Amino acid sequence: MDISEENMGNFGGRGGGGGFNSRGGSRGGVFSSEPREMHKAKCSKCGKDCEVPFKPTPGKDVFCKECYAKVKPRF
């Protein structure tokens, strides 16, 4: 069975896509070249005003950059 590049379309058979899938659309996320929308928030740990790249959910902790570096899991 021969697997050609044409059949590999959605599986990245042509190598790196530079942030675009085989159908020409952007995957978004960290690979997007567009600036992310930032949302104002208050750090749950230190109380400092900050901006985060997601819409904060009421009742869930949000951390500023400095506090997040202290609480994020390290593998």
PDB file of N, CA and C in Angstrom:
ATOM      1  N   MET A   1       0.846  -1.177   0.000  1.00  0.00           N
ATOM      2  CA  MET A   1       0.000   0.000   0.000  1.00  0.00           C
ATOM      3  C   MET A   1       0.888   1.236   0.000  1.00  0.00           C
ATOM      4  N   ASP A   2       0.695   2.120  -0.959  1.00  0.00           N
ATOM      5  CA  ASP A   2       1.490   3.330  -1.094  1.00  0.00           C
ATOM      6  C   ASP A   2       0.726   4.521  -0.506  1.00  0.00           C
ATOM      7  N   ILE A   3       1.393   5.248   0.383  1.00  0.00           N
ATOM      8  CA  ILE A   3       0.766   6.425   0.982  1.00  0.00           C
ATOM      9  C   ILE A   3       1.383   7.656   0.340  1.00  0.00           C
ATOM     10  N   SER A   4       0.594   8.375  -0.430  1.00  0.00           N
ATOM     11  CA  SER A   4       1.099   9.571  -1.112  1.00  0.00           C
ATOM     12  C   SER A   4       0.855  10.811  -0.265  1.00  0.00           C
ATOM     13  N   GLU A   5       1.489  11.930  -0.645  1.00  0.00           N
ATOM     14  CA  GLU A   5       1.281  13.185   0.064  1.00  0.00           C
ATOM     15  C   GLU A   5      -0.175  13.629  -0.019  1.00  0.00           C
ATOM     16  N   GLU A   6      -0.815  13.310  -1.124  1.00  0.00           N
ATOM     17  CA  GLU A   6      -2.217  13.692  -1.301  1.00  0.00           C
ATOM     18  C   GLU A   6      -3.087  13.038  -0.228  1.00  0.00           C
ATOM     19  N   ASN A   7      -2.808  11.783   0.096  1.00  0.00           N
ATOM     20  CA  ASN A   7      -3.585  11.071   1.109  1.00  0.00           C
ATOM     21  C   ASN A   7      -3.233  11.503   2.523  1.00  0.00           C
ATOM     22  N   MET A   8      -2.092  12.141   2.702  1.00  0.00           N
ATOM     23  CA  MET A   8      -1.654  12.541   4.028  1.00  0.00           C
ATOM     24  C   MET A   8      -2.175  13.929   4.404  1.00  0.00           C
ATOM     25  N   GLY A   9      -2.932  14.599   3.542  1.00  0.00           N
ATOM     26  CA  GLY A   9      -3.398  15.962   3.711  1.00  0.00           C
ATOM     27  C   GLY A   9      -3.632  16.441   5.123  1.00  0.00           C
ATOM     28  N   ASN A  10      -4.515  15.833   5.885  1.00  0.00           N
ATOM     29  CA  ASN A  10      -4.852  16.309   7.213  1.00  0.00           C
ATOM     30  C   ASN A  10      -3.897  15.823   8.287  1.00  0.00           C
ATOM     31  N   PHE A  11      -2.916  15.029   7.939  1.00  0.00           N
ATOM     32  CA  PHE A  11      -2.009  14.472   8.929  1.00  0.00           C
ATOM     33  C   PHE A  11      -0.617  15.085   8.860  1.00  0.00           C
ATOM     34  N   GLY A  12      -0.466  16.155   8.120  1.00  0.00           N
ATOM     35  CA  GLY A  12       0.818  16.851   8.074  1.00  0.00           C
ATOM     36  C   GLY A  12       1.871  16.149   7.258  1.00  0.00           C
ATOM     37  N   GLY A  13       1.507  15.419   6.237  1.00  0.00           N
ATOM     38  CA  GLY A  13       2.460  14.692   5.421  1.00  0.00           C
ATOM     39  C   GLY A  13       3.462  15.580   4.698  1.00  0.00           C
ATOM     40  N   ARG A  14       3.222  16.867   4.636  1.00  0.00           N
ATOM     41  CA  ARG A  14       4.119  17.769   3.935  1.00  0.00           C
ATOM     42  C   ARG A  14       5.036  18.523   4.882  1.00  0.00           C
ATOM     43  N   GLY A  15       5.070  18.156   6.113  1.00  0.00           N
ATOM     44  CA  GLY A  15       5.961  18.813   7.068  1.00  0.00           C
ATOM     45  C   GLY A  15       5.255  19.927   7.808  1.00  0.00           C
ATOM     46  N   GLY A  16       6.030  20.823   8.402  1.00  0.00           N
ATOM     47  CA  GLY A  16       5.478  21.911   9.212  1.00  0.00           C
ATOM     48  C   GLY A  16       4.538  22.793   8.420  1.00  0.00           C
ATOM     49  N   GLY A  17       3.474  23.224   9.060  1.00  0.00           N
ATOM     50  CA  GLY A  17       2.486  24.023   8.367  1.00  0.00           C
ATOM     51  C   GLY A  17       2.572  25.500   8.684  1.00  0.00           C
ATOM     52  N   GLY A  18       3.478  25.908   9.557  1.00  0.00           N
ATOM     53  CA  GLY A  18       3.601  27.311   9.866  1.00  0.00           C
ATOM     54  C   GLY A  18       2.349  27.913  10.477  1.00  0.00           C
ATOM     55  N   GLY A  19       1.568  27.110  11.192  1.00  0.00           N
ATOM     56  CA  GLY A  19       0.379  27.620  11.848  1.00  0.00           C
ATOM     57  C   GLY A  19      -0.884  27.493  11.019  1.00  0.00           C
ATOM     58  N   PHE A  20      -0.809  26.847   9.878  1.00  0.00           N
ATOM     59  CA  PHE A  20      -1.976  26.679   9.033  1.00  0.00           C
ATOM     60  C   PHE A  20      -2.196  25.197   8.780  1.00  0.00           C
ATOM     61  N   ASN A  21      -3.480  24.795   8.761  1.00  0.00           N
ATOM     62  CA  ASN A  21      -3.747  23.390   8.467  1.00  0.00           C
ATOM     63  C   ASN A  21      -3.772  23.169   6.963  1.00  0.00           C
ATOM     64  N   SER A  22      -3.939  21.944   6.531  1.00  0.00           N
ATOM     65  CA  SER A  22      -3.841  21.620   5.108  1.00  0.00           C
ATOM     66  C   SER A  22      -4.966  22.217   4.279  1.00  0.00           C
ATOM     67  N   ARG A  23      -6.010  22.709   4.920  1.00  0.00           N
ATOM     68  CA  ARG A  23      -7.116  23.315   4.177  1.00  0.00           C
ATOM     69  C   ARG A  23      -6.977  24.833   4.103  1.00  0.00           C
ATOM     70  N   GLY A  24      -5.854  25.380   4.604  1.00  0.00           N
ATOM     71  CA  GLY A  24      -5.594  26.799   4.483  1.00  0.00           C
ATOM     72  C   GLY A  24      -6.076  27.632   5.656  1.00  0.00           C
ATOM     73  N   GLY A  25      -6.725  27.026   6.649  1.00  0.00           N
ATOM     74  CA  GLY A  25      -7.223  27.781   7.793  1.00  0.00           C
ATOM     75  C   GLY A  25      -6.213  27.836   8.912  1.00  0.00           C
ATOM     76  N   SER A  26      -6.311  28.855   9.727  1.00  0.00           N
ATOM     77  CA  SER A  26      -5.417  28.990  10.871  1.00  0.00           C
ATOM     78  C   SER A  26      -5.889  28.083  11.997  1.00  0.00           C
ATOM     79  N   ARG A  27      -4.934  27.497  12.709  1.00  0.00           N
ATOM     80  CA  ARG A  27      -5.280  26.667  13.855  1.00  0.00           C
ATOM     81  C   ARG A  27      -5.538  27.507  15.090  1.00  0.00           C
ATOM     82  N   GLY A  28      -5.127  28.773  15.072  1.00  0.00           N
ATOM     83  CA  GLY A  28      -5.301  29.635  16.231  1.00  0.00           C
ATOM     84  C   GLY A  28      -4.345  29.249  17.332  1.00  0.00           C
ATOM     85  N   GLY A  29      -4.637  29.639  18.562  1.00  0.00           N
ATOM     86  CA  GLY A  29      -3.784  29.302  19.694  1.00  0.00           C
ATOM     87  C   GLY A  29      -2.423  29.931  19.613  1.00  0.00           C
ATOM     88  N   VAL A  30      -1.420  29.293  20.167  1.00  0.00           N
ATOM     89  CA  VAL A  30      -0.083  29.857  20.235  1.00  0.00           C
ATOM     90  C   VAL A  30       0.596  29.945  18.883  1.00  0.00           C
ATOM     91  N   PHE A  31       0.096  29.262  17.869  1.00  0.00           N
ATOM     92  CA  PHE A  31       0.726  29.282  16.569  1.00  0.00           C
ATOM     93  C   PHE A  31       0.183  30.383  15.667  1.00  0.00           C
ATOM     94  N   SER A  32      -0.826  31.104  16.126  1.00  0.00           N
ATOM     95  CA  SER A  32      -1.411  32.168  15.322  1.00  0.00           C
ATOM     96  C   SER A  32      -0.515  33.399  15.357  1.00  0.00           C
ATOM     97  N   SER A  33      -0.397  34.089  14.231  1.00  0.00           N
ATOM     98  CA  SER A  33       0.414  35.303  14.180  1.00  0.00           C
ATOM     99  C   SER A  33      -0.395  36.531  14.576  1.00  0.00           C
ATOM    100  N   GLU A  34      -1.702  36.372  14.772  1.00  0.00           N
ATOM    101  CA  GLU A  34      -2.551  37.486  15.164  1.00  0.00           C
ATOM    102  C   GLU A  34      -2.427  37.727  16.668  1.00  0.00           C
ATOM    103  N   PRO A  35      -2.462  39.016  17.098  1.00  0.00           N
ATOM    104  CA  PRO A  35      -2.387  39.287  18.538  1.00  0.00           C
ATOM    105  C   PRO A  35      -3.624  38.761  19.256  1.00  0.00           C
ATOM    106  N   ARG A  36      -3.415  38.276  20.474  1.00  0.00           N
ATOM    107  CA  ARG A  36      -4.518  37.722  21.256  1.00  0.00           C
ATOM    108  C   ARG A  36      -5.251  38.836  21.979  1.00  0.00           C
ATOM    109  N   GLU A  37      -6.549  38.678  22.126  1.00  0.00           N
ATOM    110  CA  GLU A  37      -7.344  39.633  22.883  1.00  0.00           C
ATOM    111  C   GLU A  37      -7.048  39.422  24.365  1.00  0.00           C
ATOM    112  N   MET A  38      -6.740  40.511  25.066  1.00  0.00           N
ATOM    113  CA  MET A  38      -6.427  40.432  26.486  1.00  0.00           C
ATOM    114  C   MET A  38      -7.615  40.929  27.299  1.00  0.00           C
ATOM    115  N   HIS A  39      -7.805  40.334  28.489  1.00  0.00           N
ATOM    116  CA  HIS A  39      -8.921  40.680  29.368  1.00  0.00           C
ATOM    117  C   HIS A  39      -8.377  41.122  30.719  1.00  0.00           C
ATOM    118  N   LYS A  40      -8.978  42.174  31.263  1.00  0.00           N
ATOM    119  CA  LYS A  40      -8.559  42.680  32.566  1.00  0.00           C
ATOM    120  C   LYS A  40      -9.023  41.730  33.659  1.00  0.00           C
ATOM    121  N   ALA A  41      -8.169  41.546  34.677  1.00  0.00           N
ATOM    122  CA  ALA A  41      -8.480  40.654  35.795  1.00  0.00           C
ATOM    123  C   ALA A  41      -7.732  41.132  37.029  1.00  0.00           C
ATOM    124  N   LYS A  42      -8.043  40.544  38.164  1.00  0.00           N
ATOM    125  CA  LYS A  42      -7.349  40.823  39.416  1.00  0.00           C
ATOM    126  C   LYS A  42      -6.753  39.505  39.889  1.00  0.00           C
ATOM    127  N   CYS A  43      -5.465  39.509  40.199  1.00  0.00           N
ATOM    128  CA  CYS A  43      -4.767  38.306  40.628  1.00  0.00           C
ATOM    129  C   CYS A  43      -5.377  37.789  41.927  1.00  0.00           C
ATOM    130  N   SER A  44      -5.679  36.504  41.953  1.00  0.00           N
ATOM    131  CA  SER A  44      -6.271  35.875  43.134  1.00  0.00           C
ATOM    132  C   SER A  44      -5.284  35.743  44.286  1.00  0.00           C
ATOM    133  N   LYS A  45      -3.996  35.776  43.991  1.00  0.00           N
ATOM    134  CA  LYS A  45      -2.978  35.586  45.027  1.00  0.00           C
ATOM    135  C   LYS A  45      -2.514  36.915  45.637  1.00  0.00           C
ATOM    136  N   CYS A  46      -2.131  37.891  44.796  1.00  0.00           N
ATOM    137  CA  CYS A  46      -1.577  39.149  45.317  1.00  0.00           C
ATOM    138  C   CYS A  46      -2.530  40.332  45.203  1.00  0.00           C
ATOM    139  N   GLY A  47      -3.611  40.196  44.435  1.00  0.00           N
ATOM    140  CA  GLY A  47      -4.590  41.260  44.296  1.00  0.00           C
ATOM    141  C   GLY A  47      -4.246  42.320  43.256  1.00  0.00           C
ATOM    142  N   LYS A  48      -3.137  42.156  42.561  1.00  0.00           N
ATOM    143  CA  LYS A  48      -2.695  43.115  41.555  1.00  0.00           C
ATOM    144  C   LYS A  48      -3.576  43.035  40.305  1.00  0.00           C
ATOM    145  N   ASP A  49      -3.865  44.208  39.697  1.00  0.00           N
ATOM    146  CA  ASP A  49      -4.581  44.224  38.424  1.00  0.00           C
ATOM    147  C   ASP A  49      -3.657  43.674  37.349  1.00  0.00           C
ATOM    148  N   CYS A  50      -4.208  42.855  36.446  1.00  0.00           N
ATOM    149  CA  CYS A  50      -3.397  42.252  35.383  1.00  0.00           C
ATOM    150  C   CYS A  50      -4.272  42.026  34.163  1.00  0.00           C
ATOM    151  N   GLU A  51      -3.648  41.557  33.092  1.00  0.00           N
ATOM    152  CA  GLU A  51      -4.364  41.179  31.880  1.00  0.00           C
ATOM    153  C   GLU A  51      -4.023  39.741  31.537  1.00  0.00           C
ATOM    154  N   VAL A  52      -5.040  39.000  31.109  1.00  0.00           N
ATOM    155  CA  VAL A  52      -4.849  37.586  30.772  1.00  0.00           C
ATOM    156  C   VAL A  52      -5.394  37.319  29.370  1.00  0.00           C
ATOM    157  N   PRO A  53      -4.866  36.306  28.668  1.00  0.00           N
ATOM    158  CA  PRO A  53      -5.293  36.028  27.285  1.00  0.00           C
ATOM    159  C   PRO A  53      -6.554  35.166  27.187  1.00  0.00           C
ATOM    160  N   PHE A  54      -7.402  35.202  28.209  1.00  0.00           N
ATOM    161  CA  PHE A  54      -8.661  34.455  28.210  1.00  0.00           C
ATOM    162  C   PHE A  54      -9.665  35.241  29.027  1.00  0.00           C
ATOM    163  N   LYS A  55     -10.951  34.979  28.817  1.00  0.00           N
ATOM    164  CA  LYS A  55     -11.985  35.659  29.583  1.00  0.00           C
ATOM    165  C   LYS A  55     -12.101  34.951  30.936  1.00  0.00           C
ATOM    166  N   PRO A  56     -11.808  35.647  32.032  1.00  0.00           N
ATOM    167  CA  PRO A  56     -11.861  35.009  33.355  1.00  0.00           C
ATOM    168  C   PRO A  56     -13.257  34.473  33.680  1.00  0.00           C
ATOM    169  N   THR A  57     -13.289  33.305  34.292  1.00  0.00           N
ATOM    170  CA  THR A  57     -14.542  32.676  34.707  1.00  0.00           C
ATOM    171  C   THR A  57     -14.790  33.016  36.165  1.00  0.00           C
ATOM    172  N   PRO A  58     -15.957  33.578  36.484  1.00  0.00           N
ATOM    173  CA  PRO A  58     -16.251  33.886  37.892  1.00  0.00           C
ATOM    174  C   PRO A  58     -16.109  32.642  38.773  1.00  0.00           C
ATOM    175  N   GLY A  59     -15.460  32.812  39.918  1.00  0.00           N
ATOM    176  CA  GLY A  59     -15.280  31.705  40.849  1.00  0.00           C
ATOM    177  C   GLY A  59     -14.000  30.905  40.638  1.00  0.00           C
ATOM    178  N   LYS A  60     -13.266  31.172  39.551  1.00  0.00           N
ATOM    179  CA  LYS A  60     -12.008  30.469  39.293  1.00  0.00           C
ATOM    180  C   LYS A  60     -10.848  31.430  39.505  1.00  0.00           C
ATOM    181  N   ASP A  61      -9.758  30.920  40.047  1.00  0.00           N
ATOM    182  CA  ASP A  61      -8.579  31.741  40.302  1.00  0.00           C
ATOM    183  C   ASP A  61      -7.932  32.219  39.010  1.00  0.00           C
ATOM    184  N   VAL A  62      -7.428  33.452  39.063  1.00  0.00           N
ATOM    185  CA  VAL A  62      -6.660  34.045  37.977  1.00  0.00           C
ATOM    186  C   VAL A  62      -5.389  34.588  38.612  1.00  0.00           C
ATOM    187  N   PHE A  63      -4.244  34.355  37.973  1.00  0.00           N
ATOM    188  CA  PHE A  63      -2.975  34.793  38.525  1.00  0.00           C
ATOM    189  C   PHE A  63      -2.263  35.745  37.569  1.00  0.00           C
ATOM    190  N   CYS A  64      -1.568  36.740  38.155  1.00  0.00           N
ATOM    191  CA  CYS A  64      -0.715  37.607  37.344  1.00  0.00           C
ATOM    192  C   CYS A  64       0.494  36.777  36.898  1.00  0.00           C
ATOM    193  N   LYS A  65       1.293  37.341  36.027  1.00  0.00           N
ATOM    194  CA  LYS A  65       2.448  36.623  35.485  1.00  0.00           C
ATOM    195  C   LYS A  65       3.404  36.157  36.582  1.00  0.00           C
ATOM    196  N   GLU A  66       3.665  37.026  37.546  1.00  0.00           N
ATOM    197  CA  GLU A  66       4.612  36.692  38.619  1.00  0.00           C
ATOM    198  C   GLU A  66       4.079  35.574  39.519  1.00  0.00           C
ATOM    199  N   CYS A  67       2.807  35.685  39.928  1.00  0.00           N
ATOM    200  CA  CYS A  67       2.225  34.651  40.804  1.00  0.00           C
ATOM    201  C   CYS A  67       2.044  33.333  40.071  1.00  0.00           C
ATOM    202  N   TYR A  68       1.683  33.387  38.788  1.00  0.00           N
ATOM    203  CA  TYR A  68       1.523  32.156  38.017  1.00  0.00           C
ATOM    204  C   TYR A  68       2.839  31.391  37.943  1.00  0.00           C
ATOM    205  N   ALA A  69       3.932  32.121  37.796  1.00  0.00           N
ATOM    206  CA  ALA A  69       5.248  31.467  37.737  1.00  0.00           C
ATOM    207  C   ALA A  69       5.547  30.716  39.032  1.00  0.00           C
ATOM    208  N   LYS A  70       4.980  31.177  40.145  1.00  0.00           N
ATOM    209  CA  LYS A  70       5.213  30.522  41.438  1.00  0.00           C
ATOM    210  C   LYS A  70       4.300  29.321  41.667  1.00  0.00           C
ATOM    211  N   VAL A  71       3.093  29.336  41.077  1.00  0.00           N
ATOM    212  CA  VAL A  71       2.120  28.263  41.347  1.00  0.00           C
ATOM    213  C   VAL A  71       1.982  27.237  40.242  1.00  0.00           C
ATOM    214  N   LYS A  72       2.519  27.518  39.037  1.00  0.00           N
ATOM    215  CA  LYS A  72       2.334  26.570  37.937  1.00  0.00           C
ATOM    216  C   LYS A  72       3.088  25.265  38.223  1.00  0.00           C
ATOM    217  N   PRO A  73       2.535  24.141  37.780  1.00  0.00           N
ATOM    218  CA  PRO A  73       3.216  22.869  38.012  1.00  0.00           C
ATOM    219  C   PRO A  73       4.499  22.767  37.184  1.00  0.00           C
ATOM    220  N   ARG A  74       5.513  22.220  37.763  1.00  0.00           N
ATOM    221  CA  ARG A  74       6.796  22.026  37.064  1.00  0.00           C
ATOM    222  C   ARG A  74       7.017  20.538  36.854  1.00  0.00           C
ATOM    223  N   PHE A  75       7.267  20.157  35.604  1.00  0.00           N
ATOM    224  CA  PHE A  75       7.430  18.736  35.264  1.00  0.00           C
ATOM    225  C   PHE A  75       8.873  18.374  35.163  1.00  0.00           C
TER     226      PHE A  75
END
